[in-house]
Amino acid sequence: MSIDSDHIISRRQVLAAMLLQPVIALVSDAKTLAQESFTPSTYPDPRVETIDKRFTYKIGNASVEKIATGFRWAEGPVYFPDLRCLIWSDIPNNRMMRWLEDDGHLSVYRNPSNYSNGNTRDKQGRLVSCEHLTRRVTRTEYDGKITVLADKYDGKPFNAPNDIIVDSKGAIWFTDPGYGIESPYEGDLRKEELPRNVYRLDPATGKLKVVVDDLTRPNGLALSPDETILYVVDSTEDRKASIRMYDVRGDSLHNSRMFADNFNSGSADGVKVDDKGNVWCSMGWTDANENGVRCYTPHGDLIGKIHLPEICANLCFGGKDNSRLFMAASTSIYSVYLNDRGL
């Protein structure tokens, strides 16, 4: 299978691709939803916590905002700058949501979504998604059609692809921890037929390669700004989660080592990187006061936290200059402007 990575997208093509997708139902005005069970903070917002003076990303008159709510488990946020919109998965409801930044309009983007989880945007502006129910990785084309990029390895179906990224050369990296086949709530009850691996899909040849095979539950993943390091969250069963880091050499990973594991019996899930190499990860399943997002330096030092009232599953940067952090946290989507630029 050959994947075209040479097509250059225009703003008009992106608009056409997104607008061709049917809007199933208007959910509500996000500004109204944002007022439910969330108290705006005074400035500066204490929910953005500076732990170390190197955390210089807090803006004095910018606070955490709830921009949408009413979901069962929000995951996989991805921002499309051409449309100024955020798309994410509401896994148990078997749908994908879309929020427009210019007016807060909230709608269902895709229903059913095959219990999609992680989403990303490739270099041509197309949506790339992990689907639990169909156990596959797909791409939404400019005309709205779905292309299956991968659905099996060595003749066996994936467990349930979870999180996904695309590098600057178009290669697709994704994790397969199996959460989506543990019950019908987030997909279906199925038997695992493959180890819980991390895969790399070659954009030119369609060749699929296992790049990590020694983690308990490989989850979120992100590349350093120069793409020489891959970070992978290992969400273990015994609440001893960690973030591992690997050297990237061509299509292979080497030198596995610990990046961060001081999660106080909690667990990270999604992970993103900013242009300075700082690592931002979601946090939950521990003391409720730790729910939210953590920021680590490239050397693994914890320097800042963003506290949320719900367990945070995943996150992404977006908005103008990629300086707005969007956080998918259980039943809601939160955001905060930062003096930073994400990748």
C-alpha atoms as a PDB file:
ATOM      1  CA  MET A   1       0.000   0.000   0.000  1.00  0.00           C
ATOM      2  CA  SER A   2       1.433   3.384  -0.966  1.00  0.00           C
ATOM      3  CA  ILE A   3       0.487   6.520   0.949  1.00  0.00           C
ATOM      4  CA  ASP A   4       0.647   9.804  -0.952  1.00  0.00           C
ATOM      5  CA  SER A   5       2.590  12.339   1.133  1.00  0.00           C
ATOM      6  CA  ASP A   6       3.358  14.817  -1.662  1.00  0.00           C
ATOM      7  CA  HIS A   7      -0.028  16.434  -2.118  1.00  0.00           C
ATOM      8  CA  ILE A   8      -0.031  19.990  -0.800  1.00  0.00           C
ATOM      9  CA  ILE A   9      -3.227  21.145   0.815  1.00  0.00           C
ATOM     10  CA  SER A  10      -4.830  24.549   0.448  1.00  0.00           C
ATOM     11  CA  ARG A  11      -7.131  26.287   2.883  1.00  0.00           C
ATOM     12  CA  ARG A  12     -10.004  25.728   0.449  1.00  0.00           C
ATOM     13  CA  GLN A  13      -9.345  21.980   0.366  1.00  0.00           C
ATOM     14  CA  VAL A  14      -9.315  21.788   4.143  1.00  0.00           C
ATOM     15  CA  LEU A  15     -12.596  23.675   4.318  1.00  0.00           C
ATOM     16  CA  ALA A  16     -14.116  21.411   1.701  1.00  0.00           C
ATOM     17  CA  ALA A  17     -12.942  18.282   3.486  1.00  0.00           C
ATOM     18  CA  MET A  18     -14.377  19.353   6.809  1.00  0.00           C
ATOM     19  CA  LEU A  19     -17.609  20.823   5.495  1.00  0.00           C
ATOM     20  CA  LEU A  20     -18.340  17.687   3.494  1.00  0.00           C
ATOM     21  CA  GLN A  21     -18.493  15.786   6.736  1.00  0.00           C
ATOM     22  CA  PRO A  22     -22.107  15.802   7.913  1.00  0.00           C
ATOM     23  CA  VAL A  23     -22.958  17.719  11.036  1.00  0.00           C
ATOM     24  CA  ILE A  24     -25.211  15.167  12.707  1.00  0.00           C
ATOM     25  CA  ALA A  25     -26.633  17.359  15.426  1.00  0.00           C
ATOM     26  CA  LEU A  26     -26.129  20.687  17.078  1.00  0.00           C
ATOM     27  CA  VAL A  27     -25.240  19.972  20.679  1.00  0.00           C
ATOM     28  CA  SER A  28     -25.253  23.380  22.339  1.00  0.00           C
ATOM     29  CA  ASP A  29     -23.481  26.671  22.509  1.00  0.00           C
ATOM     30  CA  ALA A  30     -20.157  25.928  24.199  1.00  0.00           C
ATOM     31  CA  LYS A  31     -20.268  29.231  26.033  1.00  0.00           C
ATOM     32  CA  THR A  32     -23.450  28.137  27.779  1.00  0.00           C
ATOM     33  CA  LEU A  33     -22.057  24.696  28.539  1.00  0.00           C
ATOM     34  CA  ALA A  34     -18.902  26.230  29.939  1.00  0.00           C
ATOM     35  CA  GLN A  35     -20.872  27.855  32.745  1.00  0.00           C
ATOM     36  CA  GLU A  36     -21.934  24.532  34.233  1.00  0.00           C
ATOM     37  CA  SER A  37     -20.132  23.452  37.415  1.00  0.00           C
ATOM     38  CA  PHE A  38     -17.011  25.471  36.747  1.00  0.00           C
ATOM     39  CA  THR A  39     -16.125  28.684  38.511  1.00  0.00           C
ATOM     40  CA  PRO A  40     -13.970  31.180  36.609  1.00  0.00           C
ATOM     41  CA  SER A  41     -10.833  32.140  38.465  1.00  0.00           C
ATOM     42  CA  THR A  42      -9.507  35.516  39.476  1.00  0.00           C
ATOM     43  CA  TYR A  43      -6.225  36.595  37.893  1.00  0.00           C
ATOM     44  CA  PRO A  44      -3.643  35.197  38.103  1.00  0.00           C
ATOM     45  CA  ASP A  45      -5.259  31.767  37.984  1.00  0.00           C
ATOM     46  CA  PRO A  46      -3.967  29.569  40.846  1.00  0.00           C
ATOM     47  CA  ARG A  47      -4.874  26.503  38.787  1.00  0.00           C
ATOM     48  CA  VAL A  48      -1.794  27.225  36.666  1.00  0.00           C
ATOM     49  CA  GLU A  49       0.935  26.367  39.170  1.00  0.00           C
ATOM     50  CA  THR A  50       4.578  27.382  38.871  1.00  0.00           C
ATOM     51  CA  ILE A  51       6.796  24.812  40.571  1.00  0.00           C
ATOM     52  CA  ASP A  52      10.126  25.984  39.200  1.00  0.00           C
ATOM     53  CA  LYS A  53      11.208  29.402  37.935  1.00  0.00           C
ATOM     54  CA  ARG A  54      11.880  27.822  34.546  1.00  0.00           C
ATOM     55  CA  PHE A  55       8.110  27.579  34.096  1.00  0.00           C
ATOM     56  CA  THR A  56       7.665  30.970  32.437  1.00  0.00           C
ATOM     57  CA  TYR A  57       4.555  30.115  30.441  1.00  0.00           C
ATOM     58  CA  LYS A  58       1.839  31.402  32.766  1.00  0.00           C
ATOM     59  CA  ILE A  59       0.024  34.526  31.568  1.00  0.00           C
ATOM     60  CA  GLY A  60      -1.207  36.752  34.392  1.00  0.00           C
ATOM     61  CA  ASN A  61      -4.602  37.570  32.928  1.00  0.00           C
ATOM     62  CA  ALA A  62      -5.307  34.234  31.234  1.00  0.00           C
ATOM     63  CA  SER A  63      -7.195  31.551  33.148  1.00  0.00           C
ATOM     64  CA  VAL A  64      -8.311  27.973  32.595  1.00  0.00           C
ATOM     65  CA  GLU A  65     -11.622  27.927  30.716  1.00  0.00           C
ATOM     66  CA  LYS A  66     -14.175  25.175  30.219  1.00  0.00           C
ATOM     67  CA  ILE A  67     -15.181  25.496  26.584  1.00  0.00           C
ATOM     68  CA  ALA A  68     -17.437  22.441  26.191  1.00  0.00           C
ATOM     69  CA  THR A  69     -18.947  19.687  28.311  1.00  0.00           C
ATOM     70  CA  GLY A  70     -21.500  16.880  28.216  1.00  0.00           C
ATOM     71  CA  PHE A  71     -19.338  13.949  27.087  1.00  0.00           C
ATOM     72  CA  ARG A  72     -18.629  10.562  28.659  1.00  0.00           C
ATOM     73  CA  TRP A  73     -14.874  10.290  28.027  1.00  0.00           C
ATOM     74  CA  ALA A  74     -13.236  12.943  25.891  1.00  0.00           C
ATOM     75  CA  GLU A  75     -10.022  11.915  24.136  1.00  0.00           C
ATOM     76  CA  GLY A  76      -7.735  12.605  21.195  1.00  0.00           C
ATOM     77  CA  PRO A  77      -8.050  16.383  20.669  1.00  0.00           C
ATOM     78  CA  VAL A  78      -6.521  17.768  17.469  1.00  0.00           C
ATOM     79  CA  TYR A  79      -6.561  21.367  16.244  1.00  0.00           C
ATOM     80  CA  PHE A  80      -7.015  22.389  12.591  1.00  0.00           C
ATOM     81  CA  PRO A  81      -5.625  25.920  12.125  1.00  0.00           C
ATOM     82  CA  ASP A  82      -7.145  26.339   8.634  1.00  0.00           C
ATOM     83  CA  LEU A  83     -10.627  26.051  10.144  1.00  0.00           C
ATOM     84  CA  ARG A  84      -9.781  27.275  13.628  1.00  0.00           C
ATOM     85  CA  CYS A  85     -11.533  24.228  14.983  1.00  0.00           C
ATOM     86  CA  LEU A  86     -10.881  21.491  17.503  1.00  0.00           C
ATOM     87  CA  ILE A  87     -11.921  17.898  16.853  1.00  0.00           C
ATOM     88  CA  TRP A  88     -11.898  15.161  19.491  1.00  0.00           C
ATOM     89  CA  SER A  89     -13.341  11.749  20.319  1.00  0.00           C
ATOM     90  CA  ASP A  90     -16.165  11.096  22.775  1.00  0.00           C
ATOM     91  CA  ILE A  91     -15.358   7.403  22.940  1.00  0.00           C
ATOM     92  CA  PRO A  92     -18.266   5.783  24.844  1.00  0.00           C
ATOM     93  CA  ASN A  93     -20.784   7.824  22.859  1.00  0.00           C
ATOM     94  CA  ASN A  94     -19.216   6.530  19.628  1.00  0.00           C
ATOM     95  CA  ARG A  95     -18.859   9.988  18.129  1.00  0.00           C
ATOM     96  CA  MET A  96     -16.377  12.718  17.294  1.00  0.00           C
ATOM     97  CA  MET A  97     -17.043  16.321  18.252  1.00  0.00           C
ATOM     98  CA  ARG A  98     -16.108  19.622  16.631  1.00  0.00           C
ATOM     99  CA  TRP A  99     -15.758  23.042  18.302  1.00  0.00           C
ATOM    100  CA  LEU A 100     -15.261  26.257  16.331  1.00  0.00           C
ATOM    101  CA  GLU A 101     -12.913  28.722  17.951  1.00  0.00           C
ATOM    102  CA  ASP A 102     -14.384  31.836  16.371  1.00  0.00           C
ATOM    103  CA  ASP A 103     -17.857  31.533  17.925  1.00  0.00           C
ATOM    104  CA  GLY A 104     -17.809  28.499  20.247  1.00  0.00           C
ATOM    105  CA  HIS A 105     -20.202  26.518  18.052  1.00  0.00           C
ATOM    106  CA  LEU A 106     -20.248  22.859  19.122  1.00  0.00           C
ATOM    107  CA  SER A 107     -21.503  20.020  16.935  1.00  0.00           C
ATOM    108  CA  VAL A 108     -21.139  16.314  16.293  1.00  0.00           C
ATOM    109  CA  TYR A 109     -18.503  15.844  13.604  1.00  0.00           C
ATOM    110  CA  ARG A 110     -18.877  12.094  13.012  1.00  0.00           C
ATOM    111  CA  ASN A 111     -21.391   9.562  14.317  1.00  0.00           C
ATOM    112  CA  PRO A 112     -20.745   6.694  14.481  1.00  0.00           C
ATOM    113  CA  SER A 113     -16.999   7.055  14.795  1.00  0.00           C
ATOM    114  CA  ASN A 114     -16.150   3.378  15.357  1.00  0.00           C
ATOM    115  CA  TYR A 115     -15.284   4.390  18.922  1.00  0.00           C
ATOM    116  CA  SER A 116     -12.352   6.476  17.723  1.00  0.00           C
ATOM    117  CA  ASN A 117      -9.709   7.392  20.286  1.00  0.00           C
ATOM    118  CA  GLY A 118      -6.524   9.230  19.310  1.00  0.00           C
ATOM    119  CA  ASN A 119      -6.492  11.717  16.436  1.00  0.00           C
ATOM    120  CA  THR A 120      -3.840  13.760  14.698  1.00  0.00           C
ATOM    121  CA  ARG A 121      -3.344  15.885  11.584  1.00  0.00           C
ATOM    122  CA  ASP A 122      -0.920  14.816   8.876  1.00  0.00           C
ATOM    123  CA  LYS A 123       1.298  17.230   6.966  1.00  0.00           C
ATOM    124  CA  GLN A 124      -1.306  17.555   4.216  1.00  0.00           C
ATOM    125  CA  GLY A 125      -3.991  18.638   6.672  1.00  0.00           C
ATOM    126  CA  ARG A 126      -5.905  15.368   6.791  1.00  0.00           C
ATOM    127  CA  LEU A 127      -7.403  13.828   9.903  1.00  0.00           C
ATOM    128  CA  VAL A 128      -5.737  10.563  10.959  1.00  0.00           C
ATOM    129  CA  SER A 129      -7.520   8.501  13.620  1.00  0.00           C
ATOM    130  CA  CYS A 130      -7.292   5.379  15.762  1.00  0.00           C
ATOM    131  CA  GLU A 131     -10.511   3.350  15.867  1.00  0.00           C
ATOM    132  CA  HIS A 132     -11.297   0.892  18.657  1.00  0.00           C
ATOM    133  CA  LEU A 133     -14.264  -0.949  17.174  1.00  0.00           C
ATOM    134  CA  THR A 134     -12.678  -1.680  13.791  1.00  0.00           C
ATOM    135  CA  ARG A 135      -9.194  -2.035  15.334  1.00  0.00           C
ATOM    136  CA  ARG A 136      -7.626   0.101  12.646  1.00  0.00           C
ATOM    137  CA  VAL A 137      -5.888   3.373  11.746  1.00  0.00           C
ATOM    138  CA  THR A 138      -7.690   5.543   9.182  1.00  0.00           C
ATOM    139  CA  ARG A 139      -7.287   8.793   7.292  1.00  0.00           C
ATOM    140  CA  THR A 140     -10.080  11.157   6.270  1.00  0.00           C
ATOM    141  CA  GLU A 141      -9.482  12.323   2.701  1.00  0.00           C
ATOM    142  CA  TYR A 142     -10.267  15.770   1.284  1.00  0.00           C
ATOM    143  CA  ASP A 143     -13.577  14.522  -0.090  1.00  0.00           C
ATOM    144  CA  GLY A 144     -14.584  12.969   3.230  1.00  0.00           C
ATOM    145  CA  LYS A 145     -13.879   9.377   2.260  1.00  0.00           C
ATOM    146  CA  ILE A 146     -12.098   7.107   4.766  1.00  0.00           C
ATOM    147  CA  THR A 147      -8.851   5.374   3.823  1.00  0.00           C
ATOM    148  CA  VAL A 148      -7.708   2.426   5.934  1.00  0.00           C
ATOM    149  CA  LEU A 149      -3.979   2.853   6.564  1.00  0.00           C
ATOM    150  CA  ALA A 150      -3.463  -0.233   8.734  1.00  0.00           C
ATOM    151  CA  ASP A 151      -5.691  -2.809  10.412  1.00  0.00           C
ATOM    152  CA  LYS A 152      -3.441  -5.769  11.106  1.00  0.00           C
ATOM    153  CA  TYR A 153       0.122  -6.876  11.692  1.00  0.00           C
ATOM    154  CA  ASP A 154       1.545 -10.230  10.653  1.00  0.00           C
ATOM    155  CA  GLY A 155      -1.929 -11.248   9.519  1.00  0.00           C
ATOM    156  CA  LYS A 156      -3.530 -10.573  12.908  1.00  0.00           C
ATOM    157  CA  PRO A 157      -5.841  -7.686  13.870  1.00  0.00           C
ATOM    158  CA  PHE A 158      -4.562  -4.957  16.151  1.00  0.00           C
ATOM    159  CA  ASN A 159      -5.848  -4.885  19.709  1.00  0.00           C
ATOM    160  CA  ALA A 160      -7.332  -1.369  19.556  1.00  0.00           C
ATOM    161  CA  PRO A 161      -5.081   1.453  18.266  1.00  0.00           C
ATOM    162  CA  ASN A 162      -4.993   4.197  20.854  1.00  0.00           C
ATOM    163  CA  ASP A 163      -2.844   7.278  20.201  1.00  0.00           C
ATOM    164  CA  ILE A 164      -1.111   8.502  17.074  1.00  0.00           C
ATOM    165  CA  ILE A 165       1.319  11.067  15.644  1.00  0.00           C
ATOM    166  CA  VAL A 166       2.727  11.896  12.202  1.00  0.00           C
ATOM    167  CA  ASP A 167       6.340  13.038  11.826  1.00  0.00           C
ATOM    168  CA  SER A 168       7.712  15.629   9.398  1.00  0.00           C
ATOM    169  CA  LYS A 169       8.424  12.960   6.763  1.00  0.00           C
ATOM    170  CA  GLY A 170       4.899  11.595   6.950  1.00  0.00           C
ATOM    171  CA  ALA A 171       5.655   8.461   8.942  1.00  0.00           C
ATOM    172  CA  ILE A 172       2.838   7.439  11.278  1.00  0.00           C
ATOM    173  CA  TRP A 173       3.605   6.242  14.804  1.00  0.00           C
ATOM    174  CA  PHE A 174       0.846   4.723  16.939  1.00  0.00           C
ATOM    175  CA  THR A 175       0.281   2.702  20.099  1.00  0.00           C
ATOM    176  CA  ASP A 176      -1.884  -0.384  20.597  1.00  0.00           C
ATOM    177  CA  PRO A 177      -2.480  -1.036  24.328  1.00  0.00           C
ATOM    178  CA  GLY A 178      -5.795  -2.841  23.984  1.00  0.00           C
ATOM    179  CA  TYR A 179      -8.112  -0.669  26.057  1.00  0.00           C
ATOM    180  CA  GLY A 180     -10.774  -0.615  23.352  1.00  0.00           C
ATOM    181  CA  ILE A 181     -11.457  -4.369  23.412  1.00  0.00           C
ATOM    182  CA  GLU A 182     -11.889  -4.798  27.164  1.00  0.00           C
ATOM    183  CA  SER A 183     -15.632  -4.060  27.130  1.00  0.00           C
ATOM    184  CA  PRO A 184     -18.374  -2.762  24.818  1.00  0.00           C
ATOM    185  CA  TYR A 185     -18.233   0.611  26.613  1.00  0.00           C
ATOM    186  CA  GLU A 186     -15.328   1.857  24.474  1.00  0.00           C
ATOM    187  CA  GLY A 187     -15.549  -0.552  21.558  1.00  0.00           C
ATOM    188  CA  ASP A 188     -16.152  -4.277  21.913  1.00  0.00           C
ATOM    189  CA  LEU A 189     -15.145  -7.265  24.009  1.00  0.00           C
ATOM    190  CA  ARG A 190     -12.480  -9.086  22.014  1.00  0.00           C
ATOM    191  CA  LYS A 191      -9.418 -11.205  22.603  1.00  0.00           C
ATOM    192  CA  GLU A 192      -5.952  -9.707  22.163  1.00  0.00           C
ATOM    193  CA  GLU A 193      -4.139 -11.401  19.291  1.00  0.00           C
ATOM    194  CA  LEU A 194      -0.985  -9.279  19.304  1.00  0.00           C
ATOM    195  CA  PRO A 195       1.394  -7.951  21.951  1.00  0.00           C
ATOM    196  CA  ARG A 196       0.800  -4.378  23.098  1.00  0.00           C
ATOM    197  CA  ASN A 197       3.202  -2.702  20.700  1.00  0.00           C
ATOM    198  CA  VAL A 198       4.160   0.670  19.313  1.00  0.00           C
ATOM    199  CA  TYR A 199       4.194   0.710  15.505  1.00  0.00           C
ATOM    200  CA  ARG A 200       5.672   2.838  12.737  1.00  0.00           C
ATOM    201  CA  LEU A 201       3.970   2.981   9.341  1.00  0.00           C
ATOM    202  CA  ASP A 202       6.156   3.971   6.386  1.00  0.00           C
ATOM    203  CA  PRO A 203       4.357   6.574   4.250  1.00  0.00           C
ATOM    204  CA  ALA A 204       5.898   5.521   0.947  1.00  0.00           C
ATOM    205  CA  THR A 205       5.712   1.743   1.115  1.00  0.00           C
ATOM    206  CA  GLY A 206       2.967   1.101   3.650  1.00  0.00           C
ATOM    207  CA  LYS A 207       5.413  -1.115   5.567  1.00  0.00           C
ATOM    208  CA  LEU A 208       4.461  -1.578   9.201  1.00  0.00           C
ATOM    209  CA  LYS A 209       7.164  -2.111  11.806  1.00  0.00           C
ATOM    210  CA  VAL A 210       7.098  -2.827  15.546  1.00  0.00           C
ATOM    211  CA  VAL A 211       9.352  -0.247  17.201  1.00  0.00           C
ATOM    212  CA  VAL A 212       8.527  -0.878  20.893  1.00  0.00           C
ATOM    213  CA  ASP A 213       7.468  -4.242  22.328  1.00  0.00           C
ATOM    214  CA  ASP A 214       8.463  -4.122  25.995  1.00  0.00           C
ATOM    215  CA  LEU A 215       5.894  -1.796  27.595  1.00  0.00           C
ATOM    216  CA  THR A 216       2.889  -2.874  29.643  1.00  0.00           C
ATOM    217  CA  ARG A 217       0.385  -0.396  28.181  1.00  0.00           C
ATOM    218  CA  PRO A 218       1.946   1.931  25.562  1.00  0.00           C
ATOM    219  CA  ASN A 219      -0.311   4.957  25.454  1.00  0.00           C
ATOM    220  CA  GLY A 220       0.381   8.568  24.473  1.00  0.00           C
ATOM    221  CA  LEU A 221       3.412   9.425  22.355  1.00  0.00           C
ATOM    222  CA  ALA A 222       5.237  12.501  21.045  1.00  0.00           C
ATOM    223  CA  LEU A 223       8.431  13.446  19.243  1.00  0.00           C
ATOM    224  CA  SER A 224      10.992  16.015  20.354  1.00  0.00           C
ATOM    225  CA  PRO A 225      11.220  19.168  18.197  1.00  0.00           C
ATOM    226  CA  ASP A 226      14.145  17.766  16.181  1.00  0.00           C
ATOM    227  CA  GLU A 227      12.468  14.327  16.048  1.00  0.00           C
ATOM    228  CA  THR A 228      15.509  12.567  17.507  1.00  0.00           C
ATOM    229  CA  ILE A 229      13.626  11.397  20.625  1.00  0.00           C
ATOM    230  CA  LEU A 230      10.296   9.604  20.931  1.00  0.00           C
ATOM    231  CA  TYR A 231       8.435   9.837  24.238  1.00  0.00           C
ATOM    232  CA  VAL A 232       5.962   7.053  25.064  1.00  0.00           C
ATOM    233  CA  VAL A 233       3.668   6.858  28.084  1.00  0.00           C
ATOM    234  CA  ASP A 234       3.452   3.427  29.707  1.00  0.00           C
ATOM    235  CA  SER A 235       0.150   3.308  31.596  1.00  0.00           C
ATOM    236  CA  THR A 236       0.755   0.212  33.676  1.00  0.00           C
ATOM    237  CA  GLU A 237      -1.839  -1.871  35.490  1.00  0.00           C
ATOM    238  CA  ASP A 238      -0.347  -1.284  38.953  1.00  0.00           C
ATOM    239  CA  ARG A 239      -0.481   2.540  38.912  1.00  0.00           C
ATOM    240  CA  LYS A 240       3.272   2.727  38.357  1.00  0.00           C
ATOM    241  CA  ALA A 241       2.988   4.626  35.119  1.00  0.00           C
ATOM    242  CA  SER A 242       5.947   6.300  33.484  1.00  0.00           C
ATOM    243  CA  ILE A 243       7.130   8.106  30.393  1.00  0.00           C
ATOM    244  CA  ARG A 244       9.910   6.355  28.490  1.00  0.00           C
ATOM    245  CA  MET A 245      12.189   8.003  25.957  1.00  0.00           C
ATOM    246  CA  TYR A 246      13.932   6.472  22.938  1.00  0.00           C
ATOM    247  CA  ASP A 247      16.508   7.664  20.430  1.00  0.00           C
ATOM    248  CA  VAL A 248      15.091   7.735  16.901  1.00  0.00           C
ATOM    249  CA  ARG A 249      17.417   6.408  14.200  1.00  0.00           C
ATOM    250  CA  GLY A 250      15.692   6.138  10.863  1.00  0.00           C
ATOM    251  CA  ASP A 251      12.766   3.765  11.269  1.00  0.00           C
ATOM    252  CA  SER A 252      14.036   2.265  14.544  1.00  0.00           C
ATOM    253  CA  LEU A 253      14.217   3.203  18.216  1.00  0.00           C
ATOM    254  CA  HIS A 254      17.192   2.703  20.517  1.00  0.00           C
ATOM    255  CA  ASN A 255      18.418   3.383  24.041  1.00  0.00           C
ATOM    256  CA  SER A 256      15.191   3.004  26.014  1.00  0.00           C
ATOM    257  CA  ARG A 257      15.359   4.956  29.270  1.00  0.00           C
ATOM    258  CA  MET A 258      13.186   6.575  31.903  1.00  0.00           C
ATOM    259  CA  PHE A 259      12.059  10.160  31.391  1.00  0.00           C
ATOM    260  CA  ALA A 260       9.559  10.645  34.248  1.00  0.00           C
ATOM    261  CA  ASP A 261       7.808   8.406  36.740  1.00  0.00           C
ATOM    262  CA  ASN A 262       6.983  10.606  39.740  1.00  0.00           C
ATOM    263  CA  PHE A 263       3.223  10.330  39.330  1.00  0.00           C
ATOM    264  CA  ASN A 264       2.249   9.520  42.958  1.00  0.00           C
ATOM    265  CA  SER A 265       0.375   6.336  42.009  1.00  0.00           C
ATOM    266  CA  GLY A 266      -1.420   8.202  39.241  1.00  0.00           C
ATOM    267  CA  SER A 267      -1.061   7.847  35.512  1.00  0.00           C
ATOM    268  CA  ALA A 268      -0.211   9.961  32.521  1.00  0.00           C
ATOM    269  CA  ASP A 269      -2.045   9.307  29.266  1.00  0.00           C
ATOM    270  CA  GLY A 270      -1.566  11.800  26.448  1.00  0.00           C
ATOM    271  CA  VAL A 271       1.666  13.708  25.867  1.00  0.00           C
ATOM    272  CA  LYS A 272       2.701  16.693  23.720  1.00  0.00           C
ATOM    273  CA  VAL A 273       5.897  18.710  23.224  1.00  0.00           C
ATOM    274  CA  ASP A 274       6.448  22.455  22.809  1.00  0.00           C
ATOM    275  CA  ASP A 275       9.001  24.173  20.601  1.00  0.00           C
ATOM    276  CA  LYS A 276      11.487  24.375  23.480  1.00  0.00           C
ATOM    277  CA  GLY A 277      11.401  20.633  23.988  1.00  0.00           C
ATOM    278  CA  ASN A 278       9.325  20.704  27.170  1.00  0.00           C
ATOM    279  CA  VAL A 279       7.071  17.693  27.630  1.00  0.00           C
ATOM    280  CA  TRP A 280       3.431  18.285  28.608  1.00  0.00           C
ATOM    281  CA  CYS A 281       1.429  15.266  29.778  1.00  0.00           C
ATOM    282  CA  SER A 282      -2.070  14.651  31.052  1.00  0.00           C
ATOM    283  CA  MET A 283      -2.524  13.389  34.603  1.00  0.00           C
ATOM    284  CA  GLY A 284      -5.191  11.527  36.553  1.00  0.00           C
ATOM    285  CA  TRP A 285      -6.245   8.429  38.483  1.00  0.00           C
ATOM    286  CA  THR A 286      -4.588   9.670  41.673  1.00  0.00           C
ATOM    287  CA  ASP A 287      -5.231  12.395  44.258  1.00  0.00           C
ATOM    288  CA  ALA A 288      -7.952  14.592  42.734  1.00  0.00           C
ATOM    289  CA  ASN A 289      -5.760  17.616  43.394  1.00  0.00           C
ATOM    290  CA  GLU A 290      -3.311  16.226  40.831  1.00  0.00           C
ATOM    291  CA  ASN A 291      -5.853  15.951  38.002  1.00  0.00           C
ATOM    292  CA  GLY A 292      -4.802  18.010  35.002  1.00  0.00           C
ATOM    293  CA  VAL A 293      -1.561  18.526  33.098  1.00  0.00           C
ATOM    294  CA  ARG A 294       2.134  18.499  34.013  1.00  0.00           C
ATOM    295  CA  CYS A 295       5.039  20.230  32.298  1.00  0.00           C
ATOM    296  CA  TYR A 296       8.563  18.751  32.319  1.00  0.00           C
ATOM    297  CA  THR A 297      11.801  20.169  30.967  1.00  0.00           C
ATOM    298  CA  PRO A 298      13.661  18.159  28.298  1.00  0.00           C
ATOM    299  CA  HIS A 299      15.753  16.780  31.174  1.00  0.00           C
ATOM    300  CA  GLY A 300      12.714  15.434  33.010  1.00  0.00           C
ATOM    301  CA  ASP A 301      12.367  18.114  35.717  1.00  0.00           C
ATOM    302  CA  LEU A 302       8.787  18.886  36.749  1.00  0.00           C
ATOM    303  CA  ILE A 303       8.388  22.668  36.525  1.00  0.00           C
ATOM    304  CA  GLY A 304       4.665  23.371  36.269  1.00  0.00           C
ATOM    305  CA  LYS A 305       1.140  22.020  36.627  1.00  0.00           C
ATOM    306  CA  ILE A 306      -2.321  22.896  35.387  1.00  0.00           C
ATOM    307  CA  HIS A 307      -5.011  21.726  37.795  1.00  0.00           C
ATOM    308  CA  LEU A 308      -8.403  20.619  36.494  1.00  0.00           C
ATOM    309  CA  PRO A 309     -11.554  19.424  38.291  1.00  0.00           C
ATOM    310  CA  GLU A 310     -11.613  16.246  36.163  1.00  0.00           C
ATOM    311  CA  ILE A 311      -9.175  13.501  35.137  1.00  0.00           C
ATOM    312  CA  CYS A 312      -7.331  14.645  32.027  1.00  0.00           C
ATOM    313  CA  ALA A 313      -6.917  12.074  29.258  1.00  0.00           C
ATOM    314  CA  ASN A 314      -5.204  13.990  26.488  1.00  0.00           C
ATOM    315  CA  LEU A 315      -4.171  17.397  25.230  1.00  0.00           C
ATOM    316  CA  CYS A 316      -3.002  19.367  22.218  1.00  0.00           C
ATOM    317  CA  PHE A 317      -1.741  22.808  21.323  1.00  0.00           C
ATOM    318  CA  GLY A 318      -3.684  25.030  18.955  1.00  0.00           C
ATOM    319  CA  GLY A 319      -5.067  28.483  18.426  1.00  0.00           C
ATOM    320  CA  LYS A 320      -3.021  31.436  17.250  1.00  0.00           C
ATOM    321  CA  ASP A 321       0.678  30.514  17.066  1.00  0.00           C
ATOM    322  CA  ASN A 322      -0.136  27.195  18.786  1.00  0.00           C
ATOM    323  CA  SER A 323      -0.144  29.057  22.093  1.00  0.00           C
ATOM    324  CA  ARG A 324      -3.456  27.718  23.431  1.00  0.00           C
ATOM    325  CA  LEU A 325      -3.470  24.406  25.256  1.00  0.00           C
ATOM    326  CA  PHE A 326      -6.615  22.295  24.846  1.00  0.00           C
ATOM    327  CA  MET A 327      -7.244  19.566  27.434  1.00  0.00           C
ATOM    328  CA  ALA A 328      -9.675  16.656  27.048  1.00  0.00           C
ATOM    329  CA  ALA A 329     -10.678  15.857  30.618  1.00  0.00           C
ATOM    330  CA  SER A 330     -13.334  13.211  31.247  1.00  0.00           C
ATOM    331  CA  THR A 331     -16.654  14.920  30.467  1.00  0.00           C
ATOM    332  CA  SER A 332     -15.299  18.285  29.333  1.00  0.00           C
ATOM    333  CA  ILE A 333     -12.827  20.218  27.210  1.00  0.00           C
ATOM    334  CA  TYR A 334     -10.728  22.902  28.905  1.00  0.00           C
ATOM    335  CA  SER A 335      -8.273  25.407  27.501  1.00  0.00           C
ATOM    336  CA  VAL A 336      -5.721  27.949  28.665  1.00  0.00           C
ATOM    337  CA  TYR A 337      -3.573  30.459  26.821  1.00  0.00           C
ATOM    338  CA  LEU A 338       0.142  30.126  27.506  1.00  0.00           C
ATOM    339  CA  ASN A 339       3.255  32.147  26.838  1.00  0.00           C
ATOM    340  CA  ASP A 340       4.510  29.183  24.868  1.00  0.00           C
ATOM    341  CA  ARG A 341       4.231  27.552  21.457  1.00  0.00           C
ATOM    342  CA  GLY A 342       3.403  23.894  21.049  1.00  0.00           C
ATOM    343  CA  LEU A 343       4.204  21.507  18.246  1.00  0.00           C
END
